[in-house]
Amino acid sequence: MGSVGEIPLNQPTLFNTTVAKQRGWVVEQQELSVFVSTQDGTDFVALSDRCTHLACRVRFVDEMEQTAKPGFFCPCHNGVFDASGEIVAGPIPRPLDRFDTKVEEGQLFVKEV
């Protein structure tokens, strides 16, 4: 995904990468976008950039109107998630999807579940 040094503290950062998905004999390249955040530079959280309602792309907002706190906003149907990806408002069925992360030699890797 990228160097852990590229991820600022307490500020979700959008990363784009390409992953290979294999179904039977067919291998497809797909783009994967995730917001990665850290509070201490050691532990990382990776959240999908897709709303769990209709898969519209969410964006990070420093101060949400509904909460006066940072969070994620989905403009399609006014979906609101807090900074940890939990539901705040809107027709959202579940929190933002999370991905497993690991750090090796200063590089962050994200595993799509």
PDB file of N, CA and C in Angstrom:
ATOM      1  N   MET A   1       0.838  -1.179   0.000  1.00  0.00           N
ATOM      2  CA  MET A   1       0.000   0.000   0.000  1.00  0.00           C
ATOM      3  C   MET A   1       0.878   1.235   0.000  1.00  0.00           C
ATOM      4  N   GLY A   2       1.836   1.314   0.967  1.00  0.00           N
ATOM      5  CA  GLY A   2       2.710   2.475   1.003  1.00  0.00           C
ATOM      6  C   GLY A   2       3.521   2.526   2.275  1.00  0.00           C
ATOM      7  N   SER A   3       4.354   3.537   2.359  1.00  0.00           N
ATOM      8  CA  SER A   3       5.217   3.725   3.510  1.00  0.00           C
ATOM      9  C   SER A   3       4.408   4.257   4.688  1.00  0.00           C
ATOM     10  N   VAL A   4       4.692   3.730   5.886  1.00  0.00           N
ATOM     11  CA  VAL A   4       3.981   4.207   7.068  1.00  0.00           C
ATOM     12  C   VAL A   4       4.307   5.672   7.351  1.00  0.00           C
ATOM     13  N   GLY A   5       5.431   6.158   6.849  1.00  0.00           N
ATOM     14  CA  GLY A   5       5.803   7.558   7.018  1.00  0.00           C
ATOM     15  C   GLY A   5       4.911   8.518   6.250  1.00  0.00           C
ATOM     16  N   GLU A   6       4.148   8.010   5.286  1.00  0.00           N
ATOM     17  CA  GLU A   6       3.239   8.839   4.490  1.00  0.00           C
ATOM     18  C   GLU A   6       1.903   9.077   5.181  1.00  0.00           C
ATOM     19  N   ILE A   7       1.687   8.437   6.318  1.00  0.00           N
ATOM     20  CA  ILE A   7       0.385   8.494   6.974  1.00  0.00           C
ATOM     21  C   ILE A   7       0.475   9.425   8.181  1.00  0.00           C
ATOM     22  N   PRO A   8      -0.170  10.601   8.102  1.00  0.00           N
ATOM     23  CA  PRO A   8      -0.123  11.525   9.235  1.00  0.00           C
ATOM     24  C   PRO A   8      -0.960  11.014  10.412  1.00  0.00           C
ATOM     25  N   LEU A   9      -0.602  11.444  11.604  1.00  0.00           N
ATOM     26  CA  LEU A   9      -1.350  11.056  12.791  1.00  0.00           C
ATOM     27  C   LEU A   9      -2.739  11.704  12.771  1.00  0.00           C
ATOM     28  N   ASN A  10      -3.739  10.936  13.171  1.00  0.00           N
ATOM     29  CA  ASN A  10      -5.116  11.420  13.351  1.00  0.00           C
ATOM     30  C   ASN A  10      -5.735  12.069  12.116  1.00  0.00           C
ATOM     31  N   GLN A  11      -5.311  11.657  10.931  1.00  0.00           N
ATOM     32  CA  GLN A  11      -5.864  12.200   9.696  1.00  0.00           C
ATOM     33  C   GLN A  11      -6.001  11.077   8.672  1.00  0.00           C
ATOM     34  N   PRO A  12      -7.218  10.534   8.496  1.00  0.00           N
ATOM     35  CA  PRO A  12      -7.384   9.476   7.496  1.00  0.00           C
ATOM     36  C   PRO A  12      -6.890   9.929   6.115  1.00  0.00           C
ATOM     37  N   THR A  13      -6.092   9.076   5.498  1.00  0.00           N
ATOM     38  CA  THR A  13      -5.488   9.379   4.213  1.00  0.00           C
ATOM     39  C   THR A  13      -5.941   8.333   3.198  1.00  0.00           C
ATOM     40  N   LEU A  14      -6.389   8.811   2.034  1.00  0.00           N
ATOM     41  CA  LEU A  14      -6.875   7.904   0.999  1.00  0.00           C
ATOM     42  C   LEU A  14      -5.710   7.356   0.192  1.00  0.00           C
ATOM     43  N   PHE A  15      -5.647   6.037   0.100  1.00  0.00           N
ATOM     44  CA  PHE A  15      -4.642   5.356  -0.708  1.00  0.00           C
ATOM     45  C   PHE A  15      -5.353   4.549  -1.788  1.00  0.00           C
ATOM     46  N   ASN A  16      -4.792   4.552  -2.983  1.00  0.00           N
ATOM     47  CA  ASN A  16      -5.312   3.762  -4.103  1.00  0.00           C
ATOM     48  C   ASN A  16      -4.257   2.745  -4.497  1.00  0.00           C
ATOM     49  N   THR A  17      -4.709   1.539  -4.770  1.00  0.00           N
ATOM     50  CA  THR A  17      -3.790   0.493  -5.214  1.00  0.00           C
ATOM     51  C   THR A  17      -4.540  -0.447  -6.144  1.00  0.00           C
ATOM     52  N   THR A  18      -3.819  -1.289  -6.814  1.00  0.00           N
ATOM     53  CA  THR A  18      -4.419  -2.289  -7.689  1.00  0.00           C
ATOM     54  C   THR A  18      -4.151  -3.664  -7.096  1.00  0.00           C
ATOM     55  N   VAL A  19      -5.193  -4.483  -7.043  1.00  0.00           N
ATOM     56  CA  VAL A  19      -5.057  -5.834  -6.516  1.00  0.00           C
ATOM     57  C   VAL A  19      -5.491  -6.831  -7.582  1.00  0.00           C
ATOM     58  N   ALA A  20      -4.871  -8.005  -7.541  1.00  0.00           N
ATOM     59  CA  ALA A  20      -5.243  -9.074  -8.466  1.00  0.00           C
ATOM     60  C   ALA A  20      -6.251  -9.984  -7.777  1.00  0.00           C
ATOM     61  N   LYS A  21      -7.362 -10.222  -8.441  1.00  0.00           N
ATOM     62  CA  LYS A  21      -8.381 -11.142  -7.922  1.00  0.00           C
ATOM     63  C   LYS A  21      -8.482 -12.306  -8.884  1.00  0.00           C
ATOM     64  N   GLN A  22      -8.393 -13.513  -8.327  1.00  0.00           N
ATOM     65  CA  GLN A  22      -8.463 -14.696  -9.164  1.00  0.00           C
ATOM     66  C   GLN A  22      -9.757 -15.443  -8.902  1.00  0.00           C
ATOM     67  N   ARG A  23     -10.465 -15.718  -9.982  1.00  0.00           N
ATOM     68  CA  ARG A  23     -11.690 -16.515  -9.934  1.00  0.00           C
ATOM     69  C   ARG A  23     -11.515 -17.638 -10.946  1.00  0.00           C
ATOM     70  N   GLY A  24     -11.244 -18.807 -10.420  1.00  0.00           N
ATOM     71  CA  GLY A  24     -10.962 -19.919 -11.327  1.00  0.00           C
ATOM     72  C   GLY A  24      -9.658 -19.653 -12.053  1.00  0.00           C
ATOM     73  N   TRP A  25      -9.703 -19.682 -13.390  1.00  0.00           N
ATOM     74  CA  TRP A  25      -8.521 -19.441 -14.214  1.00  0.00           C
ATOM     75  C   TRP A  25      -8.353 -17.977 -14.566  1.00  0.00           C
ATOM     76  N   VAL A  26      -9.340 -17.175 -14.267  1.00  0.00           N
ATOM     77  CA  VAL A  26      -9.327 -15.761 -14.667  1.00  0.00           C
ATOM     78  C   VAL A  26      -8.745 -14.898 -13.544  1.00  0.00           C
ATOM     79  N   VAL A  27      -7.763 -14.065 -13.908  1.00  0.00           N
ATOM     80  CA  VAL A  27      -7.184 -13.115 -12.967  1.00  0.00           C
ATOM     81  C   VAL A  27      -7.532 -11.716 -13.450  1.00  0.00           C
ATOM     82  N   GLU A  28      -8.186 -10.948 -12.579  1.00  0.00           N
ATOM     83  CA  GLU A  28      -8.582  -9.581 -12.919  1.00  0.00           C
ATOM     84  C   GLU A  28      -7.833  -8.606 -12.026  1.00  0.00           C
ATOM     85  N   GLN A  29      -7.472  -7.469 -12.592  1.00  0.00           N
ATOM     86  CA  GLN A  29      -6.887  -6.385 -11.824  1.00  0.00           C
ATOM     87  C   GLN A  29      -8.020  -5.445 -11.420  1.00  0.00           C
ATOM     88  N   GLN A  30      -8.110  -5.147 -10.132  1.00  0.00           N
ATOM     89  CA  GLN A  30      -9.150  -4.246  -9.647  1.00  0.00           C
ATOM     90  C   GLN A  30      -8.523  -3.162  -8.793  1.00  0.00           C
ATOM     91  N   GLU A  31      -9.091  -1.959  -8.875  1.00  0.00           N
ATOM     92  CA  GLU A  31      -8.619  -0.868  -8.048  1.00  0.00           C
ATOM     93  C   GLU A  31      -9.254  -0.968  -6.663  1.00  0.00           C
ATOM     94  N   LEU A  32      -8.452  -0.734  -5.651  1.00  0.00           N
ATOM     95  CA  LEU A  32      -8.912  -0.750  -4.271  1.00  0.00           C
ATOM     96  C   LEU A  32      -8.503   0.574  -3.640  1.00  0.00           C
ATOM     97  N   SER A  33      -9.461   1.281  -3.057  1.00  0.00           N
ATOM     98  CA  SER A  33      -9.188   2.536  -2.362  1.00  0.00           C
ATOM     99  C   SER A  33      -9.589   2.386  -0.909  1.00  0.00           C
ATOM    100  N   VAL A  34      -8.687   2.788  -0.019  1.00  0.00           N
ATOM    101  CA  VAL A  34      -8.965   2.704   1.412  1.00  0.00           C
ATOM    102  C   VAL A  34      -8.462   3.962   2.110  1.00  0.00           C
ATOM    103  N   PHE A  35      -9.167   4.304   3.180  1.00  0.00           N
ATOM    104  CA  PHE A  35      -8.703   5.360   4.071  1.00  0.00           C
ATOM    105  C   PHE A  35      -7.901   4.678   5.171  1.00  0.00           C
ATOM    106  N   VAL A  36      -6.659   5.131   5.351  1.00  0.00           N
ATOM    107  CA  VAL A  36      -5.804   4.575   6.393  1.00  0.00           C
ATOM    108  C   VAL A  36      -5.560   5.658   7.432  1.00  0.00           C
ATOM    109  N   SER A  37      -5.693   5.281   8.704  1.00  0.00           N
ATOM    110  CA  SER A  37      -5.433   6.241   9.773  1.00  0.00           C
ATOM    111  C   SER A  37      -4.659   5.570  10.899  1.00  0.00           C
ATOM    112  N   THR A  38      -4.015   6.414  11.700  1.00  0.00           N
ATOM    113  CA  THR A  38      -3.270   5.950  12.865  1.00  0.00           C
ATOM    114  C   THR A  38      -3.285   7.055  13.919  1.00  0.00           C
ATOM    115  N   GLN A  39      -3.328   6.652  15.156  1.00  0.00           N
ATOM    116  CA  GLN A  39      -3.254   7.619  16.242  1.00  0.00           C
ATOM    117  C   GLN A  39      -1.854   7.684  16.831  1.00  0.00           C
ATOM    118  N   ASP A  40      -1.069   6.620  16.627  1.00  0.00           N
ATOM    119  CA  ASP A  40       0.248   6.562  17.256  1.00  0.00           C
ATOM    120  C   ASP A  40       1.392   6.232  16.297  1.00  0.00           C
ATOM    121  N   GLY A  41       1.101   6.035  15.010  1.00  0.00           N
ATOM    122  CA  GLY A  41       2.140   5.694  14.047  1.00  0.00           C
ATOM    123  C   GLY A  41       2.566   4.240  14.087  1.00  0.00           C
ATOM    124  N   THR A  42       1.909   3.440  14.935  1.00  0.00           N
ATOM    125  CA  THR A  42       2.236   2.024  15.082  1.00  0.00           C
ATOM    126  C   THR A  42       1.073   1.129  14.683  1.00  0.00           C
ATOM    127  N   ASP A  43      -0.109   1.455  15.178  1.00  0.00           N
ATOM    128  CA  ASP A  43      -1.314   0.694  14.858  1.00  0.00           C
ATOM    129  C   ASP A  43      -2.103   1.443  13.789  1.00  0.00           C
ATOM    130  N   PHE A  44      -2.549   0.705  12.758  1.00  0.00           N
ATOM    131  CA  PHE A  44      -3.229   1.329  11.624  1.00  0.00           C
ATOM    132  C   PHE A  44      -4.618   0.739  11.433  1.00  0.00           C
ATOM    133  N   VAL A  45      -5.535   1.591  11.000  1.00  0.00           N
ATOM    134  CA  VAL A  45      -6.897   1.178  10.681  1.00  0.00           C
ATOM    135  C   VAL A  45      -7.125   1.503   9.214  1.00  0.00           C
ATOM    136  N   ALA A  46      -7.633   0.539   8.463  1.00  0.00           N
ATOM    137  CA  ALA A  46      -7.939   0.737   7.047  1.00  0.00           C
ATOM    138  C   ALA A  46      -9.437   0.541   6.841  1.00  0.00           C
ATOM    139  N   LEU A  47     -10.090   1.590   6.302  1.00  0.00           N
ATOM    140  CA  LEU A  47     -11.526   1.565   6.063  1.00  0.00           C
ATOM    141  C   LEU A  47     -11.811   1.737   4.579  1.00  0.00           C
ATOM    142  N   SER A  48     -12.829   1.061   4.104  1.00  0.00           N
ATOM    143  CA  SER A  48     -13.243   1.182   2.713  1.00  0.00           C
ATOM    144  C   SER A  48     -13.687   2.605   2.413  1.00  0.00           C
ATOM    145  N   ASP A  49     -13.505   3.024   1.173  1.00  0.00           N
ATOM    146  CA  ASP A  49     -14.006   4.338   0.747  1.00  0.00           C
ATOM    147  C   ASP A  49     -15.404   4.209   0.146  1.00  0.00           C
ATOM    148  N   ARG A  50     -16.033   3.048   0.302  1.00  0.00           N
ATOM    149  CA  ARG A  50     -17.365   2.787  -0.256  1.00  0.00           C
ATOM    150  C   ARG A  50     -18.414   2.705   0.843  1.00  0.00           C
ATOM    151  N   CYS A  51     -19.477   3.467   0.684  1.00  0.00           N
ATOM    152  CA  CYS A  51     -20.596   3.428   1.622  1.00  0.00           C
ATOM    153  C   CYS A  51     -21.232   2.041   1.579  1.00  0.00           C
ATOM    154  N   THR A  52     -21.667   1.567   2.711  1.00  0.00           N
ATOM    155  CA  THR A  52     -22.271   0.239   2.774  1.00  0.00           C
ATOM    156  C   THR A  52     -23.742   0.244   2.360  1.00  0.00           C
ATOM    157  N   HIS A  53     -24.270   1.411   2.006  1.00  0.00           N
ATOM    158  CA  HIS A  53     -25.656   1.496   1.540  1.00  0.00           C
ATOM    159  C   HIS A  53     -25.730   1.088   0.070  1.00  0.00           C
ATOM    160  N   LEU A  54     -25.120   1.901  -0.822  1.00  0.00           N
ATOM    161  CA  LEU A  54     -25.154   1.591  -2.257  1.00  0.00           C
ATOM    162  C   LEU A  54     -23.779   1.683  -2.916  1.00  0.00           C
ATOM    163  N   ALA A  55     -22.728   1.595  -2.118  1.00  0.00           N
ATOM    164  CA  ALA A  55     -21.338   1.577  -2.588  1.00  0.00           C
ATOM    165  C   ALA A  55     -20.879   2.888  -3.231  1.00  0.00           C
ATOM    166  N   CYS A  56     -21.507   3.996  -2.884  1.00  0.00           N
ATOM    167  CA  CYS A  56     -21.017   5.305  -3.329  1.00  0.00           C
ATOM    168  C   CYS A  56     -19.721   5.606  -2.573  1.00  0.00           C
ATOM    169  N   ARG A  57     -18.876   6.427  -3.160  1.00  0.00           N
ATOM    170  CA  ARG A  57     -17.615   6.784  -2.496  1.00  0.00           C
ATOM    171  C   ARG A  57     -17.871   7.801  -1.386  1.00  0.00           C
ATOM    172  N   VAL A  58     -17.273   7.557  -0.239  1.00  0.00           N
ATOM    173  CA  VAL A  58     -17.373   8.495   0.879  1.00  0.00           C
ATOM    174  C   VAL A  58     -16.153   9.402   0.870  1.00  0.00           C
ATOM    175  N   ARG A  59     -16.274  10.523   1.543  1.00  0.00           N
ATOM    176  CA  ARG A  59     -15.124  11.426   1.688  1.00  0.00           C
ATOM    177  C   ARG A  59     -14.973  11.767   3.164  1.00  0.00           C
ATOM    178  N   PHE A  60     -13.736  12.051   3.560  1.00  0.00           N
ATOM    179  CA  PHE A  60     -13.467  12.413   4.941  1.00  0.00           C
ATOM    180  C   PHE A  60     -13.669  13.913   5.098  1.00  0.00           C
ATOM    181  N   VAL A  61     -14.364  14.303   6.173  1.00  0.00           N
ATOM    182  CA  VAL A  61     -14.642  15.708   6.454  1.00  0.00           C
ATOM    183  C   VAL A  61     -14.111  16.007   7.853  1.00  0.00           C
ATOM    184  N   ASP A  62     -13.357  17.098   7.974  1.00  0.00           N
ATOM    185  CA  ASP A  62     -12.742  17.437   9.263  1.00  0.00           C
ATOM    186  C   ASP A  62     -13.759  17.736  10.354  1.00  0.00           C
ATOM    187  N   GLU A  63     -14.902  18.309   9.981  1.00  0.00           N
ATOM    188  CA  GLU A  63     -15.937  18.588  10.976  1.00  0.00           C
ATOM    189  C   GLU A  63     -17.303  18.346  10.348  1.00  0.00           C
ATOM    190  N   MET A  64     -17.949  17.271  10.781  1.00  0.00           N
ATOM    191  CA  MET A  64     -19.263  16.919  10.256  1.00  0.00           C
ATOM    192  C   MET A  64     -20.319  17.843  10.855  1.00  0.00           C
ATOM    193  N   GLU A  65     -21.240  18.286  10.021  1.00  0.00           N
ATOM    194  CA  GLU A  65     -22.311  19.167  10.479  1.00  0.00           C
ATOM    195  C   GLU A  65     -23.133  18.513  11.588  1.00  0.00           C
ATOM    196  N   GLN A  66     -23.407  17.225  11.468  1.00  0.00           N
ATOM    197  CA  GLN A  66     -24.263  16.517  12.419  1.00  0.00           C
ATOM    198  C   GLN A  66     -23.607  16.310  13.785  1.00  0.00           C
ATOM    199  N   THR A  67     -22.282  16.224  13.821  1.00  0.00           N
ATOM    200  CA  THR A  67     -21.608  15.876  15.073  1.00  0.00           C
ATOM    201  C   THR A  67     -20.581  16.908  15.535  1.00  0.00           C
ATOM    202  N   ALA A  68     -20.211  17.832  14.664  1.00  0.00           N
ATOM    203  CA  ALA A  68     -19.140  18.797  14.943  1.00  0.00           C
ATOM    204  C   ALA A  68     -17.811  18.086  15.209  1.00  0.00           C
ATOM    205  N   LYS A  69     -17.691  16.858  14.712  1.00  0.00           N
ATOM    206  CA  LYS A  69     -16.473  16.058  14.844  1.00  0.00           C
ATOM    207  C   LYS A  69     -16.081  15.547  13.462  1.00  0.00           C
ATOM    208  N   PRO A  70     -14.849  15.056  13.316  1.00  0.00           N
ATOM    209  CA  PRO A  70     -14.444  14.488  12.031  1.00  0.00           C
ATOM    210  C   PRO A  70     -15.225  13.209  11.717  1.00  0.00           C
ATOM    211  N   GLY A  71     -15.395  12.938  10.427  1.00  0.00           N
ATOM    212  CA  GLY A  71     -16.085  11.717  10.022  1.00  0.00           C
ATOM    213  C   GLY A  71     -16.121  11.568   8.520  1.00  0.00           C
ATOM    214  N   PHE A  72     -16.860  10.578   8.066  1.00  0.00           N
ATOM    215  CA  PHE A  72     -16.991  10.286   6.648  1.00  0.00           C
ATOM    216  C   PHE A  72     -18.406  10.610   6.199  1.00  0.00           C
ATOM    217  N   PHE A  73     -18.508  11.190   4.994  1.00  0.00           N
ATOM    218  CA  PHE A  73     -19.802  11.605   4.470  1.00  0.00           C
ATOM    219  C   PHE A  73     -20.030  10.959   3.117  1.00  0.00           C
ATOM    220  N   CYS A  74     -21.225  10.406   2.917  1.00  0.00           N
ATOM    221  CA  CYS A  74     -21.631   9.857   1.635  1.00  0.00           C
ATOM    222  C   CYS A  74     -22.676  10.801   1.043  1.00  0.00           C
ATOM    223  N   PRO A  75     -22.349  11.466  -0.056  1.00  0.00           N
ATOM    224  CA  PRO A  75     -23.261  12.455  -0.623  1.00  0.00           C
ATOM    225  C   PRO A  75     -24.483  11.868  -1.320  1.00  0.00           C
ATOM    226  N   CYS A  76     -24.487  10.592  -1.630  1.00  0.00           N
ATOM    227  CA  CYS A  76     -25.599   9.997  -2.379  1.00  0.00           C
ATOM    228  C   CYS A  76     -26.923  10.078  -1.614  1.00  0.00           C
ATOM    229  N   HIS A  77     -26.896   9.714  -0.333  1.00  0.00           N
ATOM    230  CA  HIS A  77     -28.124   9.718   0.467  1.00  0.00           C
ATOM    231  C   HIS A  77     -27.874  10.294   1.857  1.00  0.00           C
ATOM    232  N   ASN A  78     -26.906  11.208   1.944  1.00  0.00           N
ATOM    233  CA  ASN A  78     -26.564  11.878   3.209  1.00  0.00           C
ATOM    234  C   ASN A  78     -26.183  10.907   4.321  1.00  0.00           C
ATOM    235  N   GLY A  79     -25.440   9.880   3.973  1.00  0.00           N
ATOM    236  CA  GLY A  79     -24.946   8.940   4.969  1.00  0.00           C
ATOM    237  C   GLY A  79     -23.780   9.542   5.728  1.00  0.00           C
ATOM    238  N   VAL A  80     -23.746   9.319   7.036  1.00  0.00           N
ATOM    239  CA  VAL A  80     -22.689   9.861   7.879  1.00  0.00           C
ATOM    240  C   VAL A  80     -22.112   8.745   8.751  1.00  0.00           C
ATOM    241  N   PHE A  81     -20.783   8.662   8.753  1.00  0.00           N
ATOM    242  CA  PHE A  81     -20.046   7.722   9.600  1.00  0.00           C
ATOM    243  C   PHE A  81     -19.107   8.545  10.479  1.00  0.00           C
ATOM    244  N   ASP A  82     -18.847   8.072  11.692  1.00  0.00           N
ATOM    245  CA  ASP A  82     -17.861   8.773  12.510  1.00  0.00           C
ATOM    246  C   ASP A  82     -16.460   8.419  11.999  1.00  0.00           C
ATOM    247  N   ALA A  83     -15.432   8.968  12.643  1.00  0.00           N
ATOM    248  CA  ALA A  83     -14.056   8.773  12.181  1.00  0.00           C
ATOM    249  C   ALA A  83     -13.599   7.318  12.262  1.00  0.00           C
ATOM    250  N   SER A  84     -14.277   6.497  13.068  1.00  0.00           N
ATOM    251  CA  SER A  84     -13.913   5.081  13.155  1.00  0.00           C
ATOM    252  C   SER A  84     -14.743   4.217  12.208  1.00  0.00           C
ATOM    253  N   GLY A  85     -15.633   4.857  11.408  1.00  0.00           N
ATOM    254  CA  GLY A  85     -16.429   4.128  10.422  1.00  0.00           C
ATOM    255  C   GLY A  85     -17.779   3.660  10.925  1.00  0.00           C
ATOM    256  N   GLU A  86     -18.134   4.020  12.160  1.00  0.00           N
ATOM    257  CA  GLU A  86     -19.428   3.621  12.719  1.00  0.00           C
ATOM    258  C   GLU A  86     -20.540   4.532  12.200  1.00  0.00           C
ATOM    259  N   ILE A  87     -21.759   4.026  12.134  1.00  0.00           N
ATOM    260  CA  ILE A  87     -22.910   4.755  11.604  1.00  0.00           C
ATOM    261  C   ILE A  87     -23.307   5.892  12.540  1.00  0.00           C
ATOM    262  N   VAL A  88     -23.559   7.073  11.926  1.00  0.00           N
ATOM    263  CA  VAL A  88     -24.072   8.222  12.662  1.00  0.00           C
ATOM    264  C   VAL A  88     -25.475   8.567  12.171  1.00  0.00           C
ATOM    265  N   ALA A  89     -25.649   8.612  10.830  1.00  0.00           N
ATOM    266  CA  ALA A  89     -26.955   8.986  10.274  1.00  0.00           C
ATOM    267  C   ALA A  89     -27.081   8.461   8.852  1.00  0.00           C
ATOM    268  N   GLY A  90     -28.339   8.381   8.399  1.00  0.00           N
ATOM    269  CA  GLY A  90     -28.610   7.984   7.020  1.00  0.00           C
ATOM    270  C   GLY A  90     -29.114   6.556   6.913  1.00  0.00           C
ATOM    271  N   PRO A  91     -29.390   6.136   5.681  1.00  0.00           N
ATOM    272  CA  PRO A  91     -29.948   4.794   5.444  1.00  0.00           C
ATOM    273  C   PRO A  91     -28.871   3.709   5.355  1.00  0.00           C
ATOM    274  N   ILE A  92     -27.890   3.780   6.208  1.00  0.00           N
ATOM    275  CA  ILE A  92     -26.721   2.898   6.142  1.00  0.00           C
ATOM    276  C   ILE A  92     -26.993   1.602   6.906  1.00  0.00           C
ATOM    277  N   PRO A  93     -26.782   0.439   6.287  1.00  0.00           N
ATOM    278  CA  PRO A  93     -27.083  -0.823   6.967  1.00  0.00           C
ATOM    279  C   PRO A  93     -26.006  -1.301   7.946  1.00  0.00           C
ATOM    280  N   ARG A  94     -24.743  -0.872   7.740  1.00  0.00           N
ATOM    281  CA  ARG A  94     -23.672  -1.337   8.623  1.00  0.00           C
ATOM    282  C   ARG A  94     -22.486  -0.362   8.531  1.00  0.00           C
ATOM    283  N   PRO A  95     -21.559  -0.439   9.476  1.00  0.00           N
ATOM    284  CA  PRO A  95     -20.382   0.446   9.448  1.00  0.00           C
ATOM    285  C   PRO A  95     -19.556   0.246   8.176  1.00  0.00           C
ATOM    286  N   LEU A  96     -18.621   1.173   7.936  1.00  0.00           N
ATOM    287  CA  LEU A  96     -17.707   1.021   6.805  1.00  0.00           C
ATOM    288  C   LEU A  96     -16.922  -0.274   6.957  1.00  0.00           C
ATOM    289  N   ASP A  97     -16.650  -0.928   5.844  1.00  0.00           N
ATOM    290  CA  ASP A  97     -15.875  -2.168   5.871  1.00  0.00           C
ATOM    291  C   ASP A  97     -14.438  -1.875   6.304  1.00  0.00           C
ATOM    292  N   ARG A  98     -13.888  -2.781   7.110  1.00  0.00           N
ATOM    293  CA  ARG A  98     -12.509  -2.672   7.584  1.00  0.00           C
ATOM    294  C   ARG A  98     -11.652  -3.723   6.888  1.00  0.00           C
ATOM    295  N   PHE A  99     -10.384  -3.410   6.759  1.00  0.00           N
ATOM    296  CA  PHE A  99      -9.423  -4.332   6.164  1.00  0.00           C
ATOM    297  C   PHE A  99      -8.329  -4.629   7.176  1.00  0.00           C
ATOM    298  N   ASP A 100      -7.803  -5.835   7.137  1.00  0.00           N
ATOM    299  CA  ASP A 100      -6.661  -6.188   7.980  1.00  0.00           C
ATOM    300  C   ASP A 100      -5.432  -5.457   7.466  1.00  0.00           C
ATOM    301  N   THR A 101      -4.554  -5.048   8.379  1.00  0.00           N
ATOM    302  CA  THR A 101      -3.315  -4.368   7.996  1.00  0.00           C
ATOM    303  C   THR A 101      -2.126  -5.054   8.663  1.00  0.00           C
ATOM    304  N   LYS A 102      -0.967  -4.882   8.059  1.00  0.00           N
ATOM    305  CA  LYS A 102       0.283  -5.315   8.688  1.00  0.00           C
ATOM    306  C   LYS A 102       1.403  -4.425   8.170  1.00  0.00           C
ATOM    307  N   VAL A 103       2.445  -4.292   8.973  1.00  0.00           N
ATOM    308  CA  VAL A 103       3.602  -3.474   8.610  1.00  0.00           C
ATOM    309  C   VAL A 103       4.812  -4.385   8.538  1.00  0.00           C
ATOM    310  N   GLU A 104       5.527  -4.294   7.408  1.00  0.00           N
ATOM    311  CA  GLU A 104       6.774  -5.036   7.214  1.00  0.00           C
ATOM    312  C   GLU A 104       7.803  -4.086   6.634  1.00  0.00           C
ATOM    313  N   GLU A 105       8.914  -3.956   7.325  1.00  0.00           N
ATOM    314  CA  GLU A 105      10.027  -3.113   6.882  1.00  0.00           C
ATOM    315  C   GLU A 105       9.541  -1.709   6.506  1.00  0.00           C
ATOM    316  N   GLY A 106       8.691  -1.131   7.333  1.00  0.00           N
ATOM    317  CA  GLY A 106       8.233   0.235   7.135  1.00  0.00           C
ATOM    318  C   GLY A 106       7.157   0.414   6.074  1.00  0.00           C
ATOM    319  N   GLN A 107       6.695  -0.679   5.479  1.00  0.00           N
ATOM    320  CA  GLN A 107       5.657  -0.625   4.457  1.00  0.00           C
ATOM    321  C   GLN A 107       4.341  -1.162   5.014  1.00  0.00           C
ATOM    322  N   LEU A 108       3.261  -0.465   4.734  1.00  0.00           N
ATOM    323  CA  LEU A 108       1.942  -0.892   5.180  1.00  0.00           C
ATOM    324  C   LEU A 108       1.302  -1.738   4.110  1.00  0.00           C
ATOM    325  N   PHE A 109       0.773  -2.888   4.510  1.00  0.00           N
ATOM    326  CA  PHE A 109       0.055  -3.776   3.607  1.00  0.00           C
ATOM    327  C   PHE A 109      -1.381  -3.898   4.096  1.00  0.00           C
ATOM    328  N   VAL A 110      -2.306  -3.898   3.150  1.00  0.00           N
ATOM    329  CA  VAL A 110      -3.723  -4.026   3.469  1.00  0.00           C
ATOM    330  C   VAL A 110      -4.240  -5.260   2.773  1.00  0.00           C
ATOM    331  N   LYS A 111      -4.966  -6.090   3.525  1.00  0.00           N
ATOM    332  CA  LYS A 111      -5.530  -7.316   2.966  1.00  0.00           C
ATOM    333  C   LYS A 111      -7.031  -7.143   2.824  1.00  0.00           C
ATOM    334  N   GLU A 112      -7.510  -7.279   1.604  1.00  0.00           N
ATOM    335  CA  GLU A 112      -8.946  -7.212   1.371  1.00  0.00           C
ATOM    336  C   GLU A 112      -9.574  -8.503   1.874  1.00  0.00           C
ATOM    337  N   VAL A 113     -10.610  -8.357   2.660  1.00  0.00           N
ATOM    338  CA  VAL A 113     -11.259  -9.509   3.261  1.00  0.00           C
ATOM    339  C   VAL A 113     -12.346 -10.031   2.354  1.00  0.00           C
TER     340      VAL A 113
END
